[in-house]
Amino acid sequence: MVGAGASSPLGPLLVLTDRTQCRRPLAQVVGAAVERGALTVVLREDLPDAGRAELAEQLRALVEPVGGRLVVAGPPLPHVAAALGADRVALGAVHRDRRGVVVQLRSVDGELT
């Protein structure tokens, strides 16, 4: 996500989540970043579906009031990411669904439709 500056739609500060690096709950850390100008949060946590959905809901509640975006990185598939409240989905270079079927052959950051 090159060029995420003040005039970028991504905002002046982009947050990539990694709860293993946080000394406080992830939602608190992200909330502090949003208070300081973050408009885009990329959810990168490897969690079971229910945990990921709960975390996505918490993060969505933080970015929505400031006109921010929630990006879900990696699995799940785009339709699942949309159900999590993601504005965008970022898939890796080769993404496979749970059956092993290749879904994406290049990196994409696009709006969900």
N, C-alpha and C. Protein backbone atom coordinates (compact mmCIF):
# COMPACT_ATOMS: atom_id res chain seq x y z
N MET A 1 0.84 -1.15 0.00
CA MET A 1 0.00 0.00 0.00
C MET A 1 0.90 1.23 0.00
N VAL A 2 1.46 1.48 -1.12
CA VAL A 2 2.43 2.54 -1.28
C VAL A 2 1.73 3.89 -1.30
N GLY A 3 2.37 4.86 -0.71
CA GLY A 3 1.86 6.23 -0.79
C GLY A 3 0.75 6.53 0.18
N ALA A 4 0.68 5.88 1.30
CA ALA A 4 -0.37 6.16 2.27
C ALA A 4 -0.02 7.43 3.03
N GLY A 5 -0.23 8.57 2.40
CA GLY A 5 0.06 9.86 3.02
C GLY A 5 -1.21 10.56 3.43
N ALA A 6 -1.08 11.79 3.88
CA ALA A 6 -2.23 12.54 4.36
C ALA A 6 -3.29 12.70 3.29
N SER A 7 -2.90 12.79 2.01
CA SER A 7 -3.88 12.96 0.95
C SER A 7 -4.37 11.63 0.39
N SER A 8 -3.84 10.54 0.88
CA SER A 8 -4.23 9.21 0.43
C SER A 8 -5.57 8.82 1.03
N PRO A 9 -6.41 8.07 0.30
CA PRO A 9 -7.66 7.59 0.89
C PRO A 9 -7.42 6.61 2.03
N LEU A 10 -6.19 6.10 2.14
CA LEU A 10 -5.87 5.20 3.25
C LEU A 10 -5.59 5.97 4.52
N GLY A 11 -5.37 7.29 4.40
CA GLY A 11 -5.10 8.12 5.55
C GLY A 11 -3.61 8.25 5.83
N PRO A 12 -3.26 9.07 6.82
CA PRO A 12 -1.86 9.31 7.12
C PRO A 12 -1.19 8.19 7.90
N LEU A 13 -1.98 7.29 8.45
CA LEU A 13 -1.44 6.21 9.27
C LEU A 13 -2.19 4.92 8.97
N LEU A 14 -1.46 3.87 8.64
CA LEU A 14 -2.03 2.56 8.31
C LEU A 14 -1.62 1.59 9.40
N VAL A 15 -2.58 0.85 9.96
CA VAL A 15 -2.32 -0.10 11.03
C VAL A 15 -2.41 -1.52 10.51
N LEU A 16 -1.34 -2.30 10.70
CA LEU A 16 -1.34 -3.74 10.41
C LEU A 16 -1.39 -4.45 11.75
N THR A 17 -2.40 -5.28 11.98
CA THR A 17 -2.55 -5.89 13.30
C THR A 17 -1.61 -7.08 13.51
N ASP A 18 -1.17 -7.22 14.75
CA ASP A 18 -0.41 -8.39 15.20
C ASP A 18 -0.58 -8.44 16.72
N ARG A 19 -1.60 -9.14 17.16
CA ARG A 19 -1.93 -9.14 18.59
C ARG A 19 -0.82 -9.72 19.45
N THR A 20 0.09 -10.51 18.85
CA THR A 20 1.17 -11.09 19.64
C THR A 20 2.18 -10.01 20.07
N GLN A 21 2.15 -8.86 19.42
CA GLN A 21 3.07 -7.77 19.74
C GLN A 21 2.47 -6.75 20.72
N CYS A 22 1.20 -6.93 21.08
CA CYS A 22 0.51 -5.95 21.91
C CYS A 22 0.62 -6.28 23.40
N ARG A 23 0.83 -5.25 24.18
CA ARG A 23 0.84 -5.41 25.64
C ARG A 23 -0.54 -5.19 26.22
N ARG A 24 -1.42 -4.63 25.42
CA ARG A 24 -2.82 -4.42 25.81
C ARG A 24 -3.69 -5.13 24.79
N PRO A 25 -4.98 -5.27 25.06
CA PRO A 25 -5.87 -5.89 24.06
C PRO A 25 -5.77 -5.16 22.71
N LEU A 26 -5.81 -5.92 21.65
CA LEU A 26 -5.62 -5.37 20.30
C LEU A 26 -6.59 -4.23 20.02
N ALA A 27 -7.85 -4.37 20.39
CA ALA A 27 -8.83 -3.32 20.12
C ALA A 27 -8.44 -2.01 20.80
N GLN A 28 -7.85 -2.07 21.99
CA GLN A 28 -7.39 -0.85 22.68
C GLN A 28 -6.25 -0.19 21.92
N VAL A 29 -5.32 -1.00 21.44
CA VAL A 29 -4.17 -0.49 20.70
C VAL A 29 -4.64 0.16 19.40
N VAL A 30 -5.53 -0.52 18.69
CA VAL A 30 -6.05 0.03 17.43
C VAL A 30 -6.85 1.30 17.72
N GLY A 31 -7.64 1.29 18.78
CA GLY A 31 -8.41 2.48 19.15
C GLY A 31 -7.50 3.69 19.38
N ALA A 32 -6.37 3.47 20.04
CA ALA A 32 -5.42 4.56 20.27
C ALA A 32 -4.85 5.07 18.95
N ALA A 33 -4.57 4.16 18.03
CA ALA A 33 -4.05 4.56 16.72
C ALA A 33 -5.10 5.36 15.94
N VAL A 34 -6.35 4.93 16.00
CA VAL A 34 -7.43 5.65 15.32
C VAL A 34 -7.59 7.05 15.92
N GLU A 35 -7.51 7.15 17.23
CA GLU A 35 -7.58 8.47 17.88
C GLU A 35 -6.47 9.40 17.41
N ARG A 36 -5.36 8.82 16.98
CA ARG A 36 -4.22 9.61 16.53
C ARG A 36 -4.14 9.74 15.02
N GLY A 37 -5.20 9.35 14.31
CA GLY A 37 -5.27 9.61 12.88
C GLY A 37 -5.30 8.42 11.95
N ALA A 38 -5.20 7.22 12.46
CA ALA A 38 -5.27 6.04 11.57
C ALA A 38 -6.66 5.94 10.96
N LEU A 39 -6.71 5.75 9.66
CA LEU A 39 -7.99 5.58 8.97
C LEU A 39 -8.15 4.19 8.37
N THR A 40 -7.07 3.45 8.26
CA THR A 40 -7.12 2.12 7.67
C THR A 40 -6.50 1.12 8.62
N VAL A 41 -7.26 0.05 8.90
CA VAL A 41 -6.78 -1.03 9.75
C VAL A 41 -6.82 -2.31 8.94
N VAL A 42 -5.68 -3.00 8.88
CA VAL A 42 -5.58 -4.27 8.16
C VAL A 42 -5.58 -5.38 9.20
N LEU A 43 -6.65 -6.17 9.20
CA LEU A 43 -6.81 -7.28 10.14
C LEU A 43 -6.04 -8.47 9.58
N ARG A 44 -4.95 -8.85 10.26
CA ARG A 44 -4.07 -9.92 9.79
C ARG A 44 -4.03 -11.09 10.75
N GLU A 45 -4.97 -11.18 11.65
CA GLU A 45 -4.93 -12.20 12.69
C GLU A 45 -5.39 -13.56 12.19
N ASP A 46 -4.66 -14.59 12.55
CA ASP A 46 -5.01 -15.96 12.22
C ASP A 46 -5.80 -16.52 13.40
N LEU A 47 -7.10 -16.47 13.28
CA LEU A 47 -8.01 -16.90 14.35
C LEU A 47 -9.09 -17.79 13.76
N PRO A 48 -9.74 -18.60 14.60
CA PRO A 48 -10.93 -19.32 14.13
C PRO A 48 -11.98 -18.31 13.65
N ASP A 49 -12.87 -18.75 12.78
CA ASP A 49 -13.84 -17.85 12.17
C ASP A 49 -14.59 -16.99 13.19
N ALA A 50 -15.07 -17.59 14.28
CA ALA A 50 -15.85 -16.84 15.27
C ALA A 50 -15.00 -15.75 15.93
N GLY A 51 -13.76 -16.07 16.28
CA GLY A 51 -12.88 -15.09 16.90
C GLY A 51 -12.51 -13.97 15.95
N ARG A 52 -12.29 -14.34 14.70
CA ARG A 52 -11.96 -13.34 13.68
C ARG A 52 -13.14 -12.42 13.44
N ALA A 53 -14.34 -12.98 13.42
CA ALA A 53 -15.55 -12.18 13.21
C ALA A 53 -15.75 -11.21 14.38
N GLU A 54 -15.54 -11.69 15.60
CA GLU A 54 -15.70 -10.83 16.78
C GLU A 54 -14.69 -9.69 16.76
N LEU A 55 -13.44 -10.00 16.42
CA LEU A 55 -12.41 -8.96 16.36
C LEU A 55 -12.71 -7.98 15.23
N ALA A 56 -13.14 -8.48 14.09
CA ALA A 56 -13.48 -7.60 12.96
C ALA A 56 -14.61 -6.64 13.36
N GLU A 57 -15.58 -7.13 14.10
CA GLU A 57 -16.68 -6.29 14.56
C GLU A 57 -16.17 -5.18 15.48
N GLN A 58 -15.26 -5.52 16.38
CA GLN A 58 -14.69 -4.52 17.29
C GLN A 58 -13.91 -3.46 16.52
N LEU A 59 -13.11 -3.91 15.55
CA LEU A 59 -12.29 -2.98 14.78
C LEU A 59 -13.14 -2.12 13.87
N ARG A 60 -14.17 -2.70 13.28
CA ARG A 60 -15.10 -1.95 12.42
C ARG A 60 -15.74 -0.82 13.23
N ALA A 61 -16.11 -1.11 14.48
CA ALA A 61 -16.73 -0.10 15.35
C ALA A 61 -15.76 1.05 15.64
N LEU A 62 -14.48 0.80 15.58
CA LEU A 62 -13.48 1.85 15.83
C LEU A 62 -13.24 2.73 14.61
N VAL A 63 -13.20 2.13 13.42
CA VAL A 63 -12.86 2.90 12.22
C VAL A 63 -14.07 3.56 11.56
N GLU A 64 -15.22 2.98 11.72
CA GLU A 64 -16.42 3.50 11.04
C GLU A 64 -16.76 4.94 11.42
N PRO A 65 -16.73 5.30 12.71
CA PRO A 65 -17.10 6.68 13.07
C PRO A 65 -16.17 7.75 12.50
N VAL A 66 -14.95 7.39 12.13
CA VAL A 66 -14.01 8.38 11.58
C VAL A 66 -13.90 8.26 10.06
N GLY A 67 -14.80 7.47 9.45
CA GLY A 67 -14.77 7.29 8.01
C GLY A 67 -13.63 6.42 7.54
N GLY A 68 -13.13 5.56 8.45
CA GLY A 68 -12.00 4.70 8.12
C GLY A 68 -12.41 3.43 7.40
N ARG A 69 -11.39 2.60 7.13
CA ARG A 69 -11.60 1.35 6.40
C ARG A 69 -11.05 0.18 7.20
N LEU A 70 -11.73 -0.94 7.09
CA LEU A 70 -11.24 -2.20 7.63
C LEU A 70 -10.90 -3.10 6.45
N VAL A 71 -9.66 -3.55 6.39
CA VAL A 71 -9.20 -4.46 5.34
C VAL A 71 -8.92 -5.80 6.01
N VAL A 72 -9.48 -6.87 5.44
CA VAL A 72 -9.20 -8.22 5.95
C VAL A 72 -8.15 -8.83 5.04
N ALA A 73 -7.01 -9.19 5.61
CA ALA A 73 -5.90 -9.74 4.84
C ALA A 73 -5.89 -11.26 4.91
N GLY A 74 -5.51 -11.87 3.78
CA GLY A 74 -5.42 -13.33 3.73
C GLY A 74 -6.79 -13.97 3.73
N PRO A 75 -6.82 -15.24 4.09
CA PRO A 75 -8.13 -15.86 4.19
C PRO A 75 -8.96 -15.07 5.18
N PRO A 76 -10.20 -14.97 5.05
CA PRO A 76 -11.14 -15.76 4.28
C PRO A 76 -11.34 -15.24 2.86
N LEU A 77 -12.19 -15.94 2.15
CA LEU A 77 -12.55 -15.52 0.80
C LEU A 77 -13.30 -14.19 0.85
N PRO A 78 -13.31 -13.45 -0.26
CA PRO A 78 -13.93 -12.12 -0.26
C PRO A 78 -15.37 -12.08 0.26
N HIS A 79 -16.20 -13.06 -0.06
CA HIS A 79 -17.59 -12.99 0.42
C HIS A 79 -17.66 -13.16 1.93
N VAL A 80 -16.72 -13.91 2.50
CA VAL A 80 -16.67 -14.05 3.96
C VAL A 80 -16.14 -12.76 4.57
N ALA A 81 -15.14 -12.14 3.94
CA ALA A 81 -14.61 -10.87 4.42
C ALA A 81 -15.70 -9.80 4.43
N ALA A 82 -16.53 -9.80 3.40
CA ALA A 82 -17.64 -8.84 3.35
C ALA A 82 -18.59 -9.07 4.52
N ALA A 83 -18.85 -10.32 4.85
CA ALA A 83 -19.71 -10.63 5.99
C ALA A 83 -19.08 -10.19 7.30
N LEU A 84 -17.74 -10.11 7.36
CA LEU A 84 -17.04 -9.63 8.55
C LEU A 84 -17.07 -8.11 8.65
N GLY A 85 -17.58 -7.44 7.63
CA GLY A 85 -17.64 -5.99 7.64
C GLY A 85 -16.44 -5.33 7.00
N ALA A 86 -15.67 -6.08 6.23
CA ALA A 86 -14.49 -5.51 5.58
C ALA A 86 -14.89 -4.60 4.43
N ASP A 87 -14.15 -3.50 4.28
CA ASP A 87 -14.33 -2.62 3.12
C ASP A 87 -13.55 -3.17 1.94
N ARG A 88 -12.45 -3.85 2.25
CA ARG A 88 -11.56 -4.40 1.24
C ARG A 88 -11.02 -5.73 1.72
N VAL A 89 -10.44 -6.48 0.80
CA VAL A 89 -9.78 -7.73 1.14
C VAL A 89 -8.44 -7.75 0.43
N ALA A 90 -7.41 -8.20 1.13
CA ALA A 90 -6.08 -8.31 0.54
C ALA A 90 -5.67 -9.77 0.59
N LEU A 91 -5.52 -10.37 -0.58
CA LEU A 91 -5.14 -11.77 -0.67
C LEU A 91 -3.67 -11.88 -1.03
N GLY A 92 -3.05 -12.95 -0.60
CA GLY A 92 -1.64 -13.18 -0.91
C GLY A 92 -1.42 -13.52 -2.37
N ALA A 93 -0.17 -13.75 -2.72
CA ALA A 93 0.19 -14.04 -4.11
C ALA A 93 -0.53 -15.28 -4.63
N VAL A 94 -0.64 -16.31 -3.82
CA VAL A 94 -1.41 -17.49 -4.19
C VAL A 94 -2.31 -17.81 -3.01
N HIS A 95 -3.58 -17.72 -3.23
CA HIS A 95 -4.54 -17.99 -2.16
C HIS A 95 -5.32 -19.25 -2.52
N ARG A 96 -5.46 -20.14 -1.59
CA ARG A 96 -6.23 -21.36 -1.79
C ARG A 96 -7.38 -21.40 -0.81
N ASP A 97 -8.52 -21.86 -1.29
CA ASP A 97 -9.64 -21.99 -0.35
C ASP A 97 -9.41 -23.23 0.50
N ARG A 98 -10.34 -23.54 1.37
CA ARG A 98 -10.15 -24.65 2.31
C ARG A 98 -10.06 -26.01 1.64
N ARG A 99 -10.50 -26.08 0.38
CA ARG A 99 -10.39 -27.34 -0.35
C ARG A 99 -9.09 -27.41 -1.14
N GLY A 100 -8.28 -26.33 -1.08
CA GLY A 100 -7.02 -26.32 -1.80
C GLY A 100 -7.12 -25.74 -3.20
N VAL A 101 -8.27 -25.21 -3.58
CA VAL A 101 -8.47 -24.64 -4.91
C VAL A 101 -7.85 -23.24 -4.96
N VAL A 102 -7.03 -22.98 -5.97
CA VAL A 102 -6.41 -21.66 -6.12
C VAL A 102 -7.50 -20.65 -6.48
N VAL A 103 -7.57 -19.59 -5.70
CA VAL A 103 -8.58 -18.56 -5.90
C VAL A 103 -7.96 -17.30 -6.50
N GLN A 104 -6.73 -16.97 -6.11
CA GLN A 104 -6.10 -15.74 -6.53
C GLN A 104 -4.67 -16.01 -6.94
N LEU A 105 -4.24 -15.45 -8.06
CA LEU A 105 -2.89 -15.69 -8.54
C LEU A 105 -1.99 -14.47 -8.44
N ARG A 106 -2.49 -13.36 -7.94
CA ARG A 106 -1.67 -12.17 -7.74
C ARG A 106 -2.22 -11.39 -6.56
N SER A 107 -1.41 -10.52 -6.03
CA SER A 107 -1.83 -9.72 -4.88
C SER A 107 -2.86 -8.69 -5.35
N VAL A 108 -3.92 -8.57 -4.59
CA VAL A 108 -5.01 -7.67 -4.95
C VAL A 108 -5.45 -6.90 -3.72
N ASP A 109 -5.66 -5.62 -3.90
CA ASP A 109 -6.29 -4.80 -2.88
C ASP A 109 -7.43 -4.10 -3.60
N GLY A 110 -8.61 -4.65 -3.52
CA GLY A 110 -9.72 -4.08 -4.26
C GLY A 110 -10.96 -4.01 -3.42
N GLU A 111 -11.88 -3.15 -3.84
CA GLU A 111 -13.13 -3.03 -3.12
C GLU A 111 -13.96 -4.29 -3.30
N LEU A 112 -14.70 -4.62 -2.26
CA LEU A 112 -15.58 -5.78 -2.32
C LEU A 112 -16.83 -5.41 -3.08
N THR A 113 -17.25 -6.29 -3.98
CA THR A 113 -18.47 -6.03 -4.72
C THR A 113 -19.39 -7.22 -4.58
